[in-house]
Amino acid sequence: MVKLVAIDLDDTLLDSGLKIADNCLRAISEVQQRGILVTLATGRMYRSALPYARQIKVDIPLITYQGGLVKNSRSQEVIYYRPLPSAPAAEVVRFFRSKRVHYHSYLEDQLMMETLTEEGLYYESLSGIKAVMVDDLVTVAGSGDAMKIMAVTEDRKLLLSMERELKDRYGEKLNITRSKPFFLEVMAREANKADALRVVASHYHVSRAEVMAIGDSYNDLEMLEWAGVGVAMGNAWEAVKEAADFVTRSNDEDGVAEALRKYIL
């Protein structure tokens, strides 16, 4: 029996217009009324995830920053915090700078950039958060409290090349993953959705077998594999579908609602 559900946001619970469909809201409410815990598991910063958490009336810890920060949406209690180690983080910023791609970082739940590029403007609109301009992101990332570093480029060949190079250098030290096809994200090794979901489940004395996770992208793979029931969206990457126990409809076809009704309700 499922007792805890973790749902990714972008391209999973959110449709193409960044909205939660009424059908999904109703299904989540029905699940909660049965006493089943529901949370969000997202790469977004905490502030960016919070409006959606309030919309679905989540009152348990949210998994944000790919698992780097797990914080209750009401009490503000932090139960898991894994920022980037300072030395490799500073090196990653220099690496992205050398590749001449857009990059940004996060400190104290603020989105921080050196310049507001077209990619930066797009990310602001996606996250609903205005960026704070800083002189040097090396200092931010090297503070020991930065949550993650993200590069954004539509050059898929370059992005994959950067991913391979960073994994070769830091595969044992950092969590390097893709979320959207043109987002490359770098976090602490322990900042991943699977480890964070394990912490949330343990916090509520829920076993692995009693956990359902729903997602669509590479950053959801570990979470879907760890959960007792892993559900991939119909719009998910093929590798994600292969790793899941079930595949539901797409995010524009109320896939989360279908999954909750089929496997819980």
Protein backbone atom coordinates (compact mmCIF):
# COMPACT_ATOMS: atom_id res chain seq x y z
CA MET A 1 0.00 0.00 0.00
CA VAL A 2 1.35 3.43 -0.96
CA LYS A 3 1.71 5.82 1.99
CA LEU A 4 3.91 8.55 0.45
CA VAL A 5 3.90 10.06 -3.06
CA ALA A 6 6.68 12.29 -4.44
CA ILE A 7 5.87 14.19 -7.62
CA ASP A 8 8.26 16.10 -9.87
CA LEU A 9 7.08 19.53 -11.04
CA ASP A 10 8.29 20.59 -14.50
CA ASP A 11 6.99 18.42 -17.34
CA THR A 12 5.34 16.14 -14.76
CA LEU A 13 2.76 17.82 -12.51
CA LEU A 14 2.97 21.09 -14.47
CA ASP A 15 1.54 21.23 -17.97
CA SER A 16 3.16 23.13 -20.84
CA GLY A 17 1.68 26.36 -19.48
CA LEU A 18 3.31 25.74 -16.06
CA LYS A 19 -0.10 25.11 -14.49
CA ILE A 20 -1.49 22.24 -12.42
CA ALA A 21 -4.58 20.85 -14.17
CA ASP A 22 -7.81 20.75 -12.16
CA ASN A 23 -8.01 17.00 -12.68
CA CYS A 24 -4.59 16.59 -11.07
CA LEU A 25 -5.54 18.87 -8.17
CA ARG A 26 -8.64 16.77 -7.51
CA ALA A 27 -6.72 13.49 -7.63
CA ILE A 28 -4.07 14.79 -5.22
CA SER A 29 -6.78 16.01 -2.84
CA GLU A 30 -8.47 12.59 -2.94
CA VAL A 31 -5.16 10.89 -2.15
CA GLN A 32 -4.52 13.25 0.76
CA GLN A 33 -8.02 12.66 2.11
CA ARG A 34 -7.12 8.99 2.42
CA GLY A 35 -4.26 9.95 4.73
CA ILE A 36 -1.55 9.43 2.11
CA LEU A 37 1.33 11.92 2.25
CA VAL A 38 2.09 13.91 -0.91
CA THR A 39 5.16 16.04 -1.55
CA LEU A 40 7.02 17.64 -4.45
CA ALA A 41 10.47 16.51 -5.62
CA THR A 42 11.92 19.15 -7.90
CA GLY A 43 15.12 20.69 -9.14
CA ARG A 44 13.58 24.11 -8.53
CA MET A 45 14.69 26.34 -5.71
CA TYR A 46 12.54 26.26 -2.58
CA ARG A 47 10.95 29.69 -3.24
CA SER A 48 10.04 28.64 -6.77
CA ALA A 49 8.38 25.39 -5.63
CA LEU A 50 6.52 26.91 -2.68
CA PRO A 51 3.53 28.42 -4.60
CA TYR A 52 2.77 25.02 -6.13
CA ALA A 53 3.15 23.29 -2.76
CA ARG A 54 0.60 25.69 -1.30
CA GLN A 55 -1.73 25.08 -4.24
CA ILE A 56 -1.82 21.33 -3.53
CA LYS A 57 -1.83 21.95 0.24
CA VAL A 58 1.41 20.13 1.02
CA ASP A 59 2.30 20.36 4.70
CA ILE A 60 5.29 18.01 4.76
CA PRO A 61 8.91 18.68 3.69
CA LEU A 62 9.47 19.60 0.04
CA ILE A 63 12.39 18.10 -1.91
CA THR A 64 14.03 21.02 -3.73
CA TYR A 65 17.33 21.74 -5.51
CA GLN A 66 17.31 18.14 -6.81
CA GLY A 67 17.35 16.97 -3.18
CA GLY A 68 19.91 19.42 -1.84
CA LEU A 69 17.34 21.08 0.45
CA VAL A 70 14.39 19.33 2.08
CA LYS A 71 12.32 21.90 3.93
CA ASN A 72 8.78 21.92 5.30
CA SER A 73 6.46 24.24 3.39
CA ARG A 74 4.66 25.38 6.55
CA SER A 75 6.92 25.03 9.60
CA GLN A 76 10.08 25.86 7.58
CA GLU A 77 11.87 23.00 9.36
CA VAL A 78 14.90 21.76 7.40
CA ILE A 79 15.46 18.01 7.58
CA TYR A 80 18.12 17.63 4.86
CA TYR A 81 20.69 20.12 3.59
CA ARG A 82 23.53 19.28 1.21
CA PRO A 83 25.15 22.36 -0.40
CA LEU A 84 28.00 22.23 -2.91
CA PRO A 85 31.54 21.70 -1.60
CA SER A 86 33.41 24.95 -2.19
CA ALA A 87 36.53 23.93 -4.17
CA PRO A 88 34.93 21.87 -6.96
CA ALA A 89 32.00 24.29 -7.15
CA ALA A 90 34.30 27.22 -7.92
CA GLU A 91 36.04 25.09 -10.54
CA VAL A 92 32.72 24.23 -12.20
CA VAL A 93 31.85 27.92 -12.56
CA ARG A 94 35.21 28.55 -14.23
CA PHE A 95 34.59 25.54 -16.47
CA PHE A 96 31.19 26.85 -17.67
CA ARG A 97 32.70 30.32 -18.14
CA SER A 98 35.40 28.84 -20.38
CA LYS A 99 32.72 27.17 -22.52
CA ARG A 100 30.95 30.54 -23.03
CA VAL A 101 27.52 29.24 -22.04
CA HIS A 102 24.97 30.81 -19.72
CA TYR A 103 25.44 29.71 -16.11
CA HIS A 104 24.01 30.71 -12.74
CA SER A 105 24.02 29.59 -9.13
CA TYR A 106 21.93 29.79 -5.95
CA LEU A 107 22.76 31.07 -2.48
CA GLU A 108 20.37 31.63 0.46
CA ASP A 109 17.46 30.69 -1.83
CA GLN A 110 18.37 33.49 -4.25
CA LEU A 111 18.94 33.01 -7.98
CA MET A 112 22.28 34.60 -8.85
CA MET A 113 23.75 35.54 -12.23
CA GLU A 114 26.66 37.62 -13.51
CA THR A 115 24.78 38.84 -16.60
CA LEU A 116 21.15 38.63 -17.65
CA THR A 117 21.39 36.70 -20.91
CA GLU A 118 18.50 35.51 -23.08
CA GLU A 119 18.81 32.15 -21.33
CA GLY A 120 18.74 33.94 -17.99
CA LEU A 121 15.57 35.79 -18.91
CA TYR A 122 13.96 32.51 -19.96
CA TYR A 123 14.95 30.89 -16.68
CA GLU A 124 13.53 33.82 -14.69
CA SER A 125 10.18 33.39 -16.47
CA LEU A 126 10.22 29.62 -15.90
CA SER A 127 11.07 29.81 -12.21
CA GLY A 128 9.06 32.93 -11.39
CA ILE A 129 12.10 34.33 -9.57
CA LYS A 130 14.06 37.49 -10.42
CA ALA A 131 17.81 37.02 -10.51
CA VAL A 132 20.23 38.92 -8.29
CA MET A 133 23.22 40.22 -10.27
CA VAL A 134 26.66 39.60 -8.76
CA ASP A 135 30.17 40.44 -9.92
CA ASP A 136 31.64 36.96 -9.64
CA LEU A 137 29.82 33.63 -9.31
CA VAL A 138 33.08 31.90 -8.40
CA THR A 139 32.81 33.58 -5.00
CA VAL A 140 29.15 32.55 -4.66
CA ALA A 141 29.74 28.94 -5.66
CA GLY A 142 32.86 28.71 -3.54
CA SER A 143 31.09 29.90 -0.39
CA GLY A 144 30.31 26.38 0.79
CA ASP A 145 26.59 27.20 0.93
CA ALA A 146 25.65 27.37 -2.77
CA MET A 147 22.95 24.83 -3.58
CA LYS A 148 23.74 24.15 -7.23
CA ILE A 149 25.20 25.49 -10.46
CA MET A 150 23.28 25.33 -13.72
CA ALA A 151 24.39 25.79 -17.32
CA VAL A 152 21.83 26.48 -20.03
CA THR A 153 22.52 26.01 -23.74
CA GLU A 154 20.51 24.94 -26.77
CA ASP A 155 23.69 23.43 -28.26
CA ARG A 156 22.88 19.83 -27.36
CA LYS A 157 26.23 18.51 -28.58
CA LEU A 158 28.08 20.98 -26.35
CA LEU A 159 25.85 20.20 -23.37
CA LEU A 160 26.46 16.47 -23.66
CA SER A 161 30.18 17.08 -24.07
CA MET A 162 30.23 19.24 -20.91
CA GLU A 163 28.28 16.59 -19.02
CA ARG A 164 30.77 13.87 -19.97
CA GLU A 165 33.76 16.04 -19.10
CA LEU A 166 32.36 17.03 -15.71
CA LYS A 167 31.42 13.45 -14.86
CA ASP A 168 34.94 12.32 -15.75
CA ARG A 169 36.39 14.95 -13.41
CA TYR A 170 33.89 14.97 -10.55
CA GLY A 171 31.78 11.82 -10.88
CA GLU A 172 32.63 10.70 -7.34
CA LYS A 173 32.33 14.16 -5.77
CA LEU A 174 29.34 15.81 -7.42
CA ASN A 175 25.88 14.96 -8.75
CA ILE A 176 25.82 16.00 -12.42
CA THR A 177 22.53 15.57 -14.26
CA ARG A 178 20.22 16.96 -16.92
CA SER A 179 16.69 18.12 -16.18
CA LYS A 180 15.32 19.74 -19.31
CA PRO A 181 17.19 18.85 -22.53
CA PHE A 182 19.17 22.09 -22.38
CA PHE A 183 19.74 22.31 -18.59
CA LEU A 184 22.91 20.84 -17.09
CA GLU A 185 22.88 20.89 -13.29
CA VAL A 186 25.67 20.34 -10.76
CA MET A 187 25.00 19.63 -7.07
CA ALA A 188 26.67 17.92 -4.12
CA ARG A 189 26.92 14.14 -4.52
CA GLU A 190 24.33 13.63 -1.76
CA ALA A 191 21.96 16.16 -3.34
CA ASN A 192 19.77 13.82 -5.36
CA LYS A 193 16.08 13.05 -5.26
CA ALA A 194 16.53 9.43 -4.18
CA ASP A 195 18.55 10.24 -1.05
CA ALA A 196 16.20 13.11 -0.20
CA LEU A 197 13.12 10.94 -0.67
CA ARG A 198 14.69 8.29 1.57
CA VAL A 199 15.07 10.94 4.28
CA VAL A 200 11.44 12.07 3.95
CA ALA A 201 10.18 8.47 4.05
CA SER A 202 12.28 7.71 7.13
CA HIS A 203 11.02 10.91 8.79
CA TYR A 204 7.46 9.55 8.55
CA HIS A 205 8.39 5.88 9.19
CA VAL A 206 7.36 4.90 5.68
CA SER A 207 9.14 1.97 4.06
CA ARG A 208 10.63 2.07 0.57
CA ALA A 209 7.96 -0.31 -0.68
CA GLU A 210 5.27 2.15 0.43
CA VAL A 211 6.64 5.04 -1.66
CA MET A 212 5.48 6.12 -5.12
CA ALA A 213 7.53 8.54 -7.22
CA ILE A 214 6.44 10.22 -10.47
CA GLY A 215 8.83 11.96 -12.88
CA ASP A 216 9.94 12.51 -16.45
CA SER A 217 13.63 13.31 -16.77
CA TYR A 218 17.16 12.11 -16.05
CA ASN A 219 17.21 13.86 -12.69
CA ASP A 220 14.25 11.65 -11.66
CA LEU A 221 15.91 8.33 -12.54
CA GLU A 222 17.41 7.53 -9.13
CA MET A 223 14.17 8.49 -7.37
CA LEU A 224 12.02 6.30 -9.63
CA GLU A 225 14.40 3.37 -9.19
CA TRP A 226 14.49 3.78 -5.40
CA ALA A 227 10.74 4.11 -4.85
CA GLY A 228 8.62 1.00 -4.42
CA VAL A 229 6.48 2.24 -7.30
CA GLY A 230 8.19 4.34 -9.98
CA VAL A 231 5.95 6.03 -12.56
CA ALA A 232 7.25 7.73 -15.71
CA MET A 233 5.26 10.32 -17.61
CA GLY A 234 4.19 9.66 -21.18
CA ASN A 235 6.45 12.54 -22.23
CA ALA A 236 9.43 11.15 -20.30
CA TRP A 237 12.78 10.28 -21.86
CA GLU A 238 12.95 6.66 -23.02
CA ALA A 239 15.61 5.80 -20.43
CA VAL A 240 13.27 7.07 -17.71
CA LYS A 241 10.36 5.01 -19.04
CA GLU A 242 12.56 1.92 -19.07
CA ALA A 243 13.56 2.49 -15.44
CA ALA A 244 9.96 2.95 -14.25
CA ASP A 245 7.48 0.31 -13.14
CA PHE A 246 4.65 2.01 -15.02
CA VAL A 247 4.19 4.69 -17.69
CA THR A 248 1.26 7.10 -17.44
CA ARG A 249 -0.04 9.78 -19.82
CA SER A 250 1.86 12.98 -20.59
CA ASN A 251 1.91 16.13 -18.47
CA ASP A 252 -0.54 17.75 -20.91
CA GLU A 253 -2.92 14.79 -20.57
CA ASP A 254 -3.24 14.81 -16.75
CA GLY A 255 -0.77 11.94 -16.42
CA VAL A 256 -0.28 12.48 -12.68
CA ALA A 257 -4.04 12.19 -12.09
CA GLU A 258 -4.17 8.99 -14.13
CA ALA A 259 -1.28 7.49 -12.14
CA LEU A 260 -2.80 8.36 -8.76
CA ARG A 261 -6.21 7.00 -9.73
CA LYS A 262 -4.85 3.83 -11.29
CA TYR A 263 -2.31 2.83 -8.68
CA ILE A 264 -3.74 4.35 -5.47
CA LEU A 265 -7.37 5.40 -5.73
